[in-house]
Amino acid sequence: SGSIFSINDMGWYRQAPENERELVARITSGG
């Protein structure tokens, strides 16, 4: 939310204790 013109890629990442942040999934504006 906010004064948004457009959104490019969106994604989800996760981090468990003692682990590095890792990519879960990403999606482009085109799907």
Full PDB file with SEQRES, HELIX, SHEET, SSBOND, CRYST1, ORIGX, SCALE, CONECT and MASTER records, all heavy atoms in Angstrom:
SEQRES   1 A   31  SER GLY SER ILE PHE SER ILE ASN ASP MET GLY TRP TYR          
SEQRES   2 A   31  ARG GLN ALA PRO GLU ASN GLU ARG GLU LEU VAL ALA ARG          
SEQRES   3 A   31  ILE THR SER GLY GLY                                          
SHEET    1 AA1 2 MET A  10  ARG A  14  0                                        
SHEET    2 AA1 2 GLU A  22  ILE A  27 -1                                        
CRYST1    1.000    1.000    1.000  90.00  90.00  90.00 P 1           1          
ORIGX1      1.000000  0.000000  0.000000        0.00000                         
ORIGX2      0.000000  1.000000  0.000000        0.00000                         
ORIGX3      0.000000  0.000000  1.000000        0.00000                         
SCALE1      1.000000  0.000000  0.000000        0.00000                         
SCALE2      0.000000  1.000000  0.000000        0.00000                         
SCALE3      0.000000  0.000000  1.000000        0.00000                         
ATOM      1  N   SER A   1       0.840  -1.192   0.000  1.00  0.00           N  
ATOM      2  CA  SER A   1       0.000   0.000   0.000  1.00  0.00           C  
ATOM      3  C   SER A   1       0.876   1.243   0.000  1.00  0.00           C  
ATOM      4  O   SER A   1       2.030   1.202   0.411  1.00  0.00           O  
ATOM      5  CB  SER A   1      -0.943   0.011   1.201  1.00  0.00           C  
ATOM      6  OG  SER A   1      -0.211   0.029   2.419  1.00  0.00           O  
ATOM      7  N   GLY A   2       0.306   2.348  -0.431  1.00  0.00           N  
ATOM      8  CA  GLY A   2       1.027   3.598  -0.514  1.00  0.00           C  
ATOM      9  C   GLY A   2       0.890   4.209  -1.891  1.00  0.00           C  
ATOM     10  O   GLY A   2       0.035   3.823  -2.682  1.00  0.00           O  
ATOM     11  N   SER A   3       1.755   5.165  -2.166  1.00  0.00           N  
ATOM     12  CA  SER A   3       1.715   5.852  -3.455  1.00  0.00           C  
ATOM     13  C   SER A   3       2.493   5.045  -4.486  1.00  0.00           C  
ATOM     14  O   SER A   3       3.632   5.357  -4.828  1.00  0.00           O  
ATOM     15  CB  SER A   3       2.285   7.261  -3.316  1.00  0.00           C  
ATOM     16  OG  SER A   3       2.114   7.994  -4.518  1.00  0.00           O  
ATOM     17  N   ILE A   4       1.864   4.000  -4.989  1.00  0.00           N  
ATOM     18  CA  ILE A   4       2.494   3.027  -5.871  1.00  0.00           C  
ATOM     19  C   ILE A   4       2.142   3.295  -7.327  1.00  0.00           C  
ATOM     20  O   ILE A   4       0.973   3.443  -7.673  1.00  0.00           O  
ATOM     21  CB  ILE A   4       2.074   1.601  -5.488  1.00  0.00           C  
ATOM     22  CG1 ILE A   4       2.538   1.274  -4.066  1.00  0.00           C  
ATOM     23  CG2 ILE A   4       2.633   0.588  -6.485  1.00  0.00           C  
ATOM     24  CD1 ILE A   4       1.969  -0.009  -3.514  1.00  0.00           C  
ATOM     25  N   PHE A   5       3.177   3.324  -8.157  1.00  0.00           N  
ATOM     26  CA  PHE A   5       2.962   3.438  -9.597  1.00  0.00           C  
ATOM     27  C   PHE A   5       2.883   2.062 -10.239  1.00  0.00           C  
ATOM     28  O   PHE A   5       2.018   1.818 -11.082  1.00  0.00           O  
ATOM     29  CB  PHE A   5       4.065   4.281 -10.244  1.00  0.00           C  
ATOM     30  CG  PHE A   5       3.986   5.740  -9.928  1.00  0.00           C  
ATOM     31  CD1 PHE A   5       4.583   6.257  -8.791  1.00  0.00           C  
ATOM     32  CD2 PHE A   5       3.302   6.608 -10.763  1.00  0.00           C  
ATOM     33  CE1 PHE A   5       4.503   7.601  -8.485  1.00  0.00           C  
ATOM     34  CE2 PHE A   5       3.211   7.961 -10.469  1.00  0.00           C  
ATOM     35  CZ  PHE A   5       3.812   8.457  -9.326  1.00  0.00           C  
ATOM     36  N   SER A   6       3.790   1.163  -9.860  1.00  0.00           N  
ATOM     37  CA  SER A   6       3.778  -0.192 -10.383  1.00  0.00           C  
ATOM     38  C   SER A   6       4.667  -1.068  -9.511  1.00  0.00           C  
ATOM     39  O   SER A   6       5.513  -0.578  -8.771  1.00  0.00           O  
ATOM     40  CB  SER A   6       4.246  -0.244 -11.841  1.00  0.00           C  
ATOM     41  OG  SER A   6       5.590   0.189 -11.960  1.00  0.00           O  
ATOM     42  N   ILE A   7       4.464  -2.381  -9.617  1.00  0.00           N  
ATOM     43  CA  ILE A   7       5.257  -3.351  -8.881  1.00  0.00           C  
ATOM     44  C   ILE A   7       5.860  -4.345  -9.858  1.00  0.00           C  
ATOM     45  O   ILE A   7       5.143  -4.930 -10.668  1.00  0.00           O  
ATOM     46  CB  ILE A   7       4.412  -4.096  -7.835  1.00  0.00           C  
ATOM     47  CG1 ILE A   7       3.769  -3.107  -6.864  1.00  0.00           C  
ATOM     48  CG2 ILE A   7       5.272  -5.108  -7.081  1.00  0.00           C  
ATOM     49  CD1 ILE A   7       2.874  -3.755  -5.828  1.00  0.00           C  
ATOM     50  N   ASN A   8       7.169  -4.506  -9.777  1.00  0.00           N  
ATOM     51  CA  ASN A   8       7.842  -5.468 -10.640  1.00  0.00           C  
ATOM     52  C   ASN A   8       7.808  -6.856  -9.992  1.00  0.00           C  
ATOM     53  O   ASN A   8       6.729  -7.374  -9.723  1.00  0.00           O  
ATOM     54  CB  ASN A   8       9.267  -5.006 -10.929  1.00  0.00           C  
ATOM     55  CG  ASN A   8       9.289  -3.719 -11.747  1.00  0.00           C  
ATOM     56  OD1 ASN A   8       8.369  -3.432 -12.517  1.00  0.00           O  
ATOM     57  ND2 ASN A   8      10.344  -2.938 -11.597  1.00  0.00           N  
ATOM     58  N   ASP A   9       8.968  -7.447  -9.735  1.00  0.00           N  
ATOM     59  CA  ASP A   9       8.981  -8.768  -9.119  1.00  0.00           C  
ATOM     60  C   ASP A   9       8.489  -8.729  -7.678  1.00  0.00           C  
ATOM     61  O   ASP A   9       8.704  -7.762  -6.950  1.00  0.00           O  
ATOM     62  CB  ASP A   9      10.394  -9.355  -9.132  1.00  0.00           C  
ATOM     63  CG  ASP A   9      10.859  -9.761 -10.512  1.00  0.00           C  
ATOM     64  OD1 ASP A   9      10.139  -9.503 -11.496  1.00  0.00           O  
ATOM     65  OD2 ASP A   9      11.952 -10.353 -10.608  1.00  0.00           O  
ATOM     66  N   MET A  10       7.837  -9.805  -7.264  1.00  0.00           N  
ATOM     67  CA  MET A  10       7.453 -10.014  -5.877  1.00  0.00           C  
ATOM     68  C   MET A  10       7.904 -11.414  -5.490  1.00  0.00           C  
ATOM     69  O   MET A  10       7.997 -12.298  -6.345  1.00  0.00           O  
ATOM     70  CB  MET A  10       5.947  -9.875  -5.670  1.00  0.00           C  
ATOM     71  CG  MET A  10       5.369  -8.556  -6.148  1.00  0.00           C  
ATOM     72  SD  MET A  10       3.587  -8.378  -5.806  1.00  0.00           S  
ATOM     73  CE  MET A  10       3.636  -7.875  -4.073  1.00  0.00           C  
ATOM     74  N   GLY A  11       8.173 -11.613  -4.212  1.00  0.00           N  
ATOM     75  CA  GLY A  11       8.628 -12.927  -3.809  1.00  0.00           C  
ATOM     76  C   GLY A  11       8.504 -13.191  -2.332  1.00  0.00           C  
ATOM     77  O   GLY A  11       8.145 -12.308  -1.545  1.00  0.00           O  
ATOM     78  N   TRP A  12       8.780 -14.435  -1.986  1.00  0.00           N  
ATOM     79  CA  TRP A  12       8.793 -14.878  -0.606  1.00  0.00           C  
ATOM     80  C   TRP A  12      10.150 -15.483  -0.284  1.00  0.00           C  
ATOM     81  O   TRP A  12      10.698 -16.265  -1.075  1.00  0.00           O  
ATOM     82  CB  TRP A  12       7.706 -15.921  -0.337  1.00  0.00           C  
ATOM     83  CG  TRP A  12       6.321 -15.368  -0.391  1.00  0.00           C  
ATOM     84  CD1 TRP A  12       5.475 -15.338  -1.462  1.00  0.00           C  
ATOM     85  CD2 TRP A  12       5.614 -14.749   0.687  1.00  0.00           C  
ATOM     86  NE1 TRP A  12       4.287 -14.743  -1.123  1.00  0.00           N  
ATOM     87  CE2 TRP A  12       4.343 -14.371   0.194  1.00  0.00           C  
ATOM     88  CE3 TRP A  12       5.917 -14.477   2.017  1.00  0.00           C  
ATOM     89  CZ2 TRP A  12       3.384 -13.738   0.988  1.00  0.00           C  
ATOM     90  CZ3 TRP A  12       4.965 -13.845   2.807  1.00  0.00           C  
ATOM     91  CH2 TRP A  12       3.721 -13.491   2.291  1.00  0.00           C  
ATOM     92  N   TYR A  13      10.689 -15.125   0.879  1.00  0.00           N  
ATOM     93  CA  TYR A  13      11.930 -15.666   1.400  1.00  0.00           C  
ATOM     94  C   TYR A  13      11.673 -16.170   2.811  1.00  0.00           C  
ATOM     95  O   TYR A  13      10.703 -15.783   3.454  1.00  0.00           O  
ATOM     96  CB  TYR A  13      13.022 -14.596   1.420  1.00  0.00           C  
ATOM     97  CG  TYR A  13      13.416 -14.088   0.051  1.00  0.00           C  
ATOM     98  CD1 TYR A  13      12.607 -13.200  -0.648  1.00  0.00           C  
ATOM     99  CD2 TYR A  13      14.608 -14.504  -0.546  1.00  0.00           C  
ATOM    100  CE1 TYR A  13      12.962 -12.738  -1.906  1.00  0.00           C  
ATOM    101  CE2 TYR A  13      14.973 -14.040  -1.799  1.00  0.00           C  
ATOM    102  CZ  TYR A  13      14.149 -13.161  -2.472  1.00  0.00           C  
ATOM    103  OH  TYR A  13      14.512 -12.705  -3.717  1.00  0.00           O  
ATOM    104  N   ARG A  14      12.547 -17.034   3.293  1.00  0.00           N  
ATOM    105  CA  ARG A  14      12.388 -17.513   4.663  1.00  0.00           C  
ATOM    106  C   ARG A  14      13.743 -17.675   5.329  1.00  0.00           C  
ATOM    107  O   ARG A  14      14.767 -17.840   4.671  1.00  0.00           O  
ATOM    108  CB  ARG A  14      11.623 -18.839   4.701  1.00  0.00           C  
ATOM    109  CG  ARG A  14      12.353 -20.027   4.094  1.00  0.00           C  
ATOM    110  CD  ARG A  14      11.440 -21.247   4.058  1.00  0.00           C  
ATOM    111  NE  ARG A  14      12.121 -22.422   3.530  1.00  0.00           N  
ATOM    112  CZ  ARG A  14      11.529 -23.585   3.269  1.00  0.00           C  
ATOM    113  NH1 ARG A  14      10.223 -23.730   3.497  1.00  0.00           N  
ATOM    114  NH2 ARG A  14      12.231 -24.600   2.789  1.00  0.00           N  
ATOM    115  N   GLN A  15      13.723 -17.618   6.649  1.00  0.00           N  
ATOM    116  CA  GLN A  15      14.935 -17.780   7.426  1.00  0.00           C  
ATOM    117  C   GLN A  15      14.611 -18.520   8.713  1.00  0.00           C  
ATOM    118  O   GLN A  15      13.770 -18.095   9.491  1.00  0.00           O  
ATOM    119  CB  GLN A  15      15.578 -16.432   7.745  1.00  0.00           C  
ATOM    120  CG  GLN A  15      16.929 -16.547   8.419  1.00  0.00           C  
ATOM    121  CD  GLN A  15      17.681 -15.228   8.441  1.00  0.00           C  
ATOM    122  OE1 GLN A  15      17.128 -14.179   8.117  1.00  0.00           O  
ATOM    123  NE2 GLN A  15      18.940 -15.271   8.819  1.00  0.00           N  
ATOM    124  N   ALA A  16      15.284 -19.640   8.907  1.00  0.00           N  
ATOM    125  CA  ALA A  16      15.166 -20.425  10.123  1.00  0.00           C  
ATOM    126  C   ALA A  16      16.393 -20.179  10.992  1.00  0.00           C  
ATOM    127  O   ALA A  16      17.441 -19.763  10.490  1.00  0.00           O  
ATOM    128  CB  ALA A  16      15.035 -21.907   9.794  1.00  0.00           C  
ATOM    129  N   PRO A  17      16.289 -20.439  12.305  1.00  0.00           N  
ATOM    130  CA  PRO A  17      17.448 -20.252  13.177  1.00  0.00           C  
ATOM    131  C   PRO A  17      18.655 -21.027  12.674  1.00  0.00           C  
ATOM    132  O   PRO A  17      18.537 -22.177  12.251  1.00  0.00           O  
ATOM    133  CB  PRO A  17      16.957 -20.793  14.522  1.00  0.00           C  
ATOM    134  CG  PRO A  17      15.480 -20.581  14.484  1.00  0.00           C  
ATOM    135  CD  PRO A  17      15.091 -20.846  13.056  1.00  0.00           C  
ATOM    136  N   GLU A  18      19.798 -20.386  12.701  1.00  0.00           N  
ATOM    137  CA  GLU A  18      21.071 -20.971  12.274  1.00  0.00           C  
ATOM    138  C   GLU A  18      21.149 -21.207  10.769  1.00  0.00           C  
ATOM    139  O   GLU A  18      22.088 -21.854  10.295  1.00  0.00           O  
ATOM    140  CB  GLU A  18      21.362 -22.270  13.027  1.00  0.00           C  
ATOM    141  CG  GLU A  18      21.339 -22.133  14.541  1.00  0.00           C  
ATOM    142  CD  GLU A  18      22.350 -21.129  15.044  1.00  0.00           C  
ATOM    143  OE1 GLU A  18      23.485 -21.108  14.527  1.00  0.00           O  
ATOM    144  OE2 GLU A  18      22.008 -20.356  15.965  1.00  0.00           O  
ATOM    145  N   ASN A  19      20.191 -20.689  10.027  1.00  0.00           N  
ATOM    146  CA  ASN A  19      20.210 -20.810   8.571  1.00  0.00           C  
ATOM    147  C   ASN A  19      20.288 -19.446   7.910  1.00  0.00           C  
ATOM    148  O   ASN A  19      19.882 -18.430   8.480  1.00  0.00           O  
ATOM    149  CB  ASN A  19      18.962 -21.542   8.071  1.00  0.00           C  
ATOM    150  CG  ASN A  19      18.980 -23.019   8.358  1.00  0.00           C  
ATOM    151  OD1 ASN A  19      18.896 -23.444   9.509  1.00  0.00           O  
ATOM    152  ND2 ASN A  19      19.090 -23.820   7.299  1.00  0.00           N  
ATOM    153  N   GLU A  20      20.793 -19.437   6.690  1.00  0.00           N  
ATOM    154  CA  GLU A  20      20.799 -18.220   5.894  1.00  0.00           C  
ATOM    155  C   GLU A  20      19.404 -17.977   5.321  1.00  0.00           C  
ATOM    156  O   GLU A  20      18.614 -18.908   5.157  1.00  0.00           O  
ATOM    157  CB  GLU A  20      21.807 -18.337   4.749  1.00  0.00           C  
ATOM    158  CG  GLU A  20      23.250 -18.523   5.172  1.00  0.00           C  
ATOM    159  CD  GLU A  20      23.847 -17.272   5.770  1.00  0.00           C  
ATOM    160  OE1 GLU A  20      23.359 -16.169   5.454  1.00  0.00           O  
ATOM    161  OE2 GLU A  20      24.799 -17.387   6.559  1.00  0.00           O  
ATOM    162  N   ARG A  21      19.114 -16.724   5.032  1.00  0.00           N  
ATOM    163  CA  ARG A  21      17.882 -16.417   4.334  1.00  0.00           C  
ATOM    164  C   ARG A  21      17.904 -17.100   2.968  1.00  0.00           C  
ATOM    165  O   ARG A  21      18.930 -17.083   2.268  1.00  0.00           O  
ATOM    166  CB  ARG A  21      17.732 -14.907   4.153  1.00  0.00           C  
ATOM    167  CG  ARG A  21      16.411 -14.488   3.497  1.00  0.00           C  
ATOM    168  CD  ARG A  21      16.451 -13.050   3.042  1.00  0.00           C  
ATOM    169  NE  ARG A  21      17.386 -12.879   1.928  1.00  0.00           N  
ATOM    170  CZ  ARG A  21      17.646 -11.717   1.333  1.00  0.00           C  
ATOM    171  NH1 ARG A  21      17.047 -10.605   1.767  1.00  0.00           N  
ATOM    172  NH2 ARG A  21      18.502 -11.660   0.324  1.00  0.00           N  
ATOM    173  N   GLU A  22      16.797 -17.698   2.594  1.00  0.00           N  
ATOM    174  CA  GLU A  22      16.744 -18.393   1.325  1.00  0.00           C  
ATOM    175  C   GLU A  22      15.488 -18.030   0.548  1.00  0.00           C  
ATOM    176  O   GLU A  22      14.441 -17.724   1.124  1.00  0.00           O  
ATOM    177  CB  GLU A  22      16.800 -19.915   1.531  1.00  0.00           C  
ATOM    178  CG  GLU A  22      15.611 -20.491   2.284  1.00  0.00           C  
ATOM    179  CD  GLU A  22      15.663 -22.000   2.394  1.00  0.00           C  
ATOM    180  OE1 GLU A  22      16.614 -22.619   1.862  1.00  0.00           O  
ATOM    181  OE2 GLU A  22      14.754 -22.583   3.023  1.00  0.00           O  
ATOM    182  N   LEU A  23      15.623 -18.076  -0.754  1.00  0.00           N  
ATOM    183  CA  LEU A  23      14.487 -17.844  -1.632  1.00  0.00           C  
ATOM    184  C   LEU A  23      13.509 -19.002  -1.540  1.00  0.00           C  
ATOM    185  O   LEU A  23      13.902 -20.167  -1.591  1.00  0.00           O  
ATOM    186  CB  LEU A  23      14.961 -17.695  -3.079  1.00  0.00           C  
ATOM    187  CG  LEU A  23      13.866 -17.675  -4.147  1.00  0.00           C  
ATOM    188  CD1 LEU A  23      13.064 -16.374  -4.068  1.00  0.00           C  
ATOM    189  CD2 LEU A  23      14.467 -17.848  -5.538  1.00  0.00           C  
ATOM    190  N   VAL A  24      12.238 -18.677  -1.413  1.00  0.00           N  
ATOM    191  CA  VAL A  24      11.181 -19.674  -1.481  1.00  0.00           C  
ATOM    192  C   VAL A  24      10.580 -19.686  -2.886  1.00  0.00           C  
ATOM    193  O   VAL A  24      10.545 -20.718  -3.553  1.00  0.00           O  
ATOM    194  CB  VAL A  24      10.085 -19.419  -0.436  1.00  0.00           C  
ATOM    195  CG1 VAL A  24       8.961 -20.452  -0.564  1.00  0.00           C  
ATOM    196  CG2 VAL A  24      10.687 -19.455   0.968  1.00  0.00           C  
ATOM    197  N   ALA A  25      10.111 -18.531  -3.332  1.00  0.00           N  
ATOM    198  CA  ALA A  25       9.537 -18.413  -4.664  1.00  0.00           C  
ATOM    199  C   ALA A  25       9.455 -16.951  -5.063  1.00  0.00           C  
ATOM    200  O   ALA A  25       9.344 -16.074  -4.205  1.00  0.00           O  
ATOM    201  CB  ALA A  25       8.137 -19.044  -4.720  1.00  0.00           C  
ATOM    202  N   ARG A  26       9.518 -16.701  -6.366  1.00  0.00           N  
ATOM    203  CA  ARG A  26       9.363 -15.353  -6.884  1.00  0.00           C  
ATOM    204  C   ARG A  26       8.430 -15.376  -8.080  1.00  0.00           C  
ATOM    205  O   ARG A  26       8.276 -16.401  -8.756  1.00  0.00           O  
ATOM    206  CB  ARG A  26      10.711 -14.745  -7.297  1.00  0.00           C  
ATOM    207  CG  ARG A  26      11.628 -14.437  -6.137  1.00  0.00           C  
ATOM    208  CD  ARG A  26      12.794 -13.563  -6.558  1.00  0.00           C  
ATOM    209  NE  ARG A  26      12.377 -12.222  -6.954  1.00  0.00           N  
ATOM    210  CZ  ARG A  26      12.100 -11.223  -6.109  1.00  0.00           C  
ATOM    211  NH1 ARG A  26      12.195 -11.424  -4.796  1.00  0.00           N  
ATOM    212  NH2 ARG A  26      11.743 -10.045  -6.571  1.00  0.00           N  
ATOM    213  N   ILE A  27       7.824 -14.219  -8.361  1.00  0.00           N  
ATOM    214  CA  ILE A  27       6.910 -14.092  -9.487  1.00  0.00           C  
ATOM    215  C   ILE A  27       7.083 -12.714 -10.110  1.00  0.00           C  
ATOM    216  O   ILE A  27       7.169 -11.706  -9.412  1.00  0.00           O  
ATOM    217  CB  ILE A  27       5.446 -14.339  -9.044  1.00  0.00           C  
ATOM    218  CG1 ILE A  27       4.502 -14.296 -10.243  1.00  0.00           C  
ATOM    219  CG2 ILE A  27       5.023 -13.350  -7.961  1.00  0.00           C  
ATOM    220  CD1 ILE A  27       3.112 -14.823  -9.912  1.00  0.00           C  
ATOM    221  N   THR A  28       7.160 -12.668 -11.439  1.00  0.00           N  
ATOM    222  CA  THR A  28       7.314 -11.402 -12.137  1.00  0.00           C  
ATOM    223  C   THR A  28       5.962 -10.738 -12.327  1.00  0.00           C  
ATOM    224  O   THR A  28       4.908 -11.318 -12.068  1.00  0.00           O  
ATOM    225  CB  THR A  28       7.973 -11.610 -13.505  1.00  0.00           C  
ATOM    226  OG1 THR A  28       7.065 -12.293 -14.374  1.00  0.00           O  
ATOM    227  CG2 THR A  28       9.263 -12.412 -13.380  1.00  0.00           C  
ATOM    228  N   SER A  29       5.998  -9.497 -12.798  1.00  0.00           N  
ATOM    229  CA  SER A  29       4.756  -8.787 -13.058  1.00  0.00           C  
ATOM    230  C   SER A  29       3.928  -9.477 -14.133  1.00  0.00           C  
ATOM    231  O   SER A  29       2.705  -9.326 -14.157  1.00  0.00           O  
ATOM    232  CB  SER A  29       5.040  -7.340 -13.468  1.00  0.00           C  
ATOM    233  OG  SER A  29       5.818  -7.281 -14.652  1.00  0.00           O  
ATOM    234  N   GLY A  30       4.588 -10.223 -15.013  1.00  0.00           N  
ATOM    235  CA  GLY A  30       3.900 -10.948 -16.062  1.00  0.00           C  
ATOM    236  C   GLY A  30       3.432 -12.331 -15.668  1.00  0.00           C  
ATOM    237  O   GLY A  30       2.787 -13.014 -16.468  1.00  0.00           O  
ATOM    238  N   GLY A  31       3.770 -12.772 -14.453  1.00  0.00           N  
ATOM    239  CA  GLY A  31       3.288 -14.050 -13.970  1.00  0.00           C  
ATOM    240  C   GLY A  31       4.263 -15.207 -14.062  1.00  0.00           C  
ATOM    241  O   GLY A  31       3.914 -16.333 -13.692  1.00  0.00           O  
TER     242      GLY A  31                                                      
MASTER        0    0    0    0    2    0    0    6  241    1    0    3          
END                                                                             
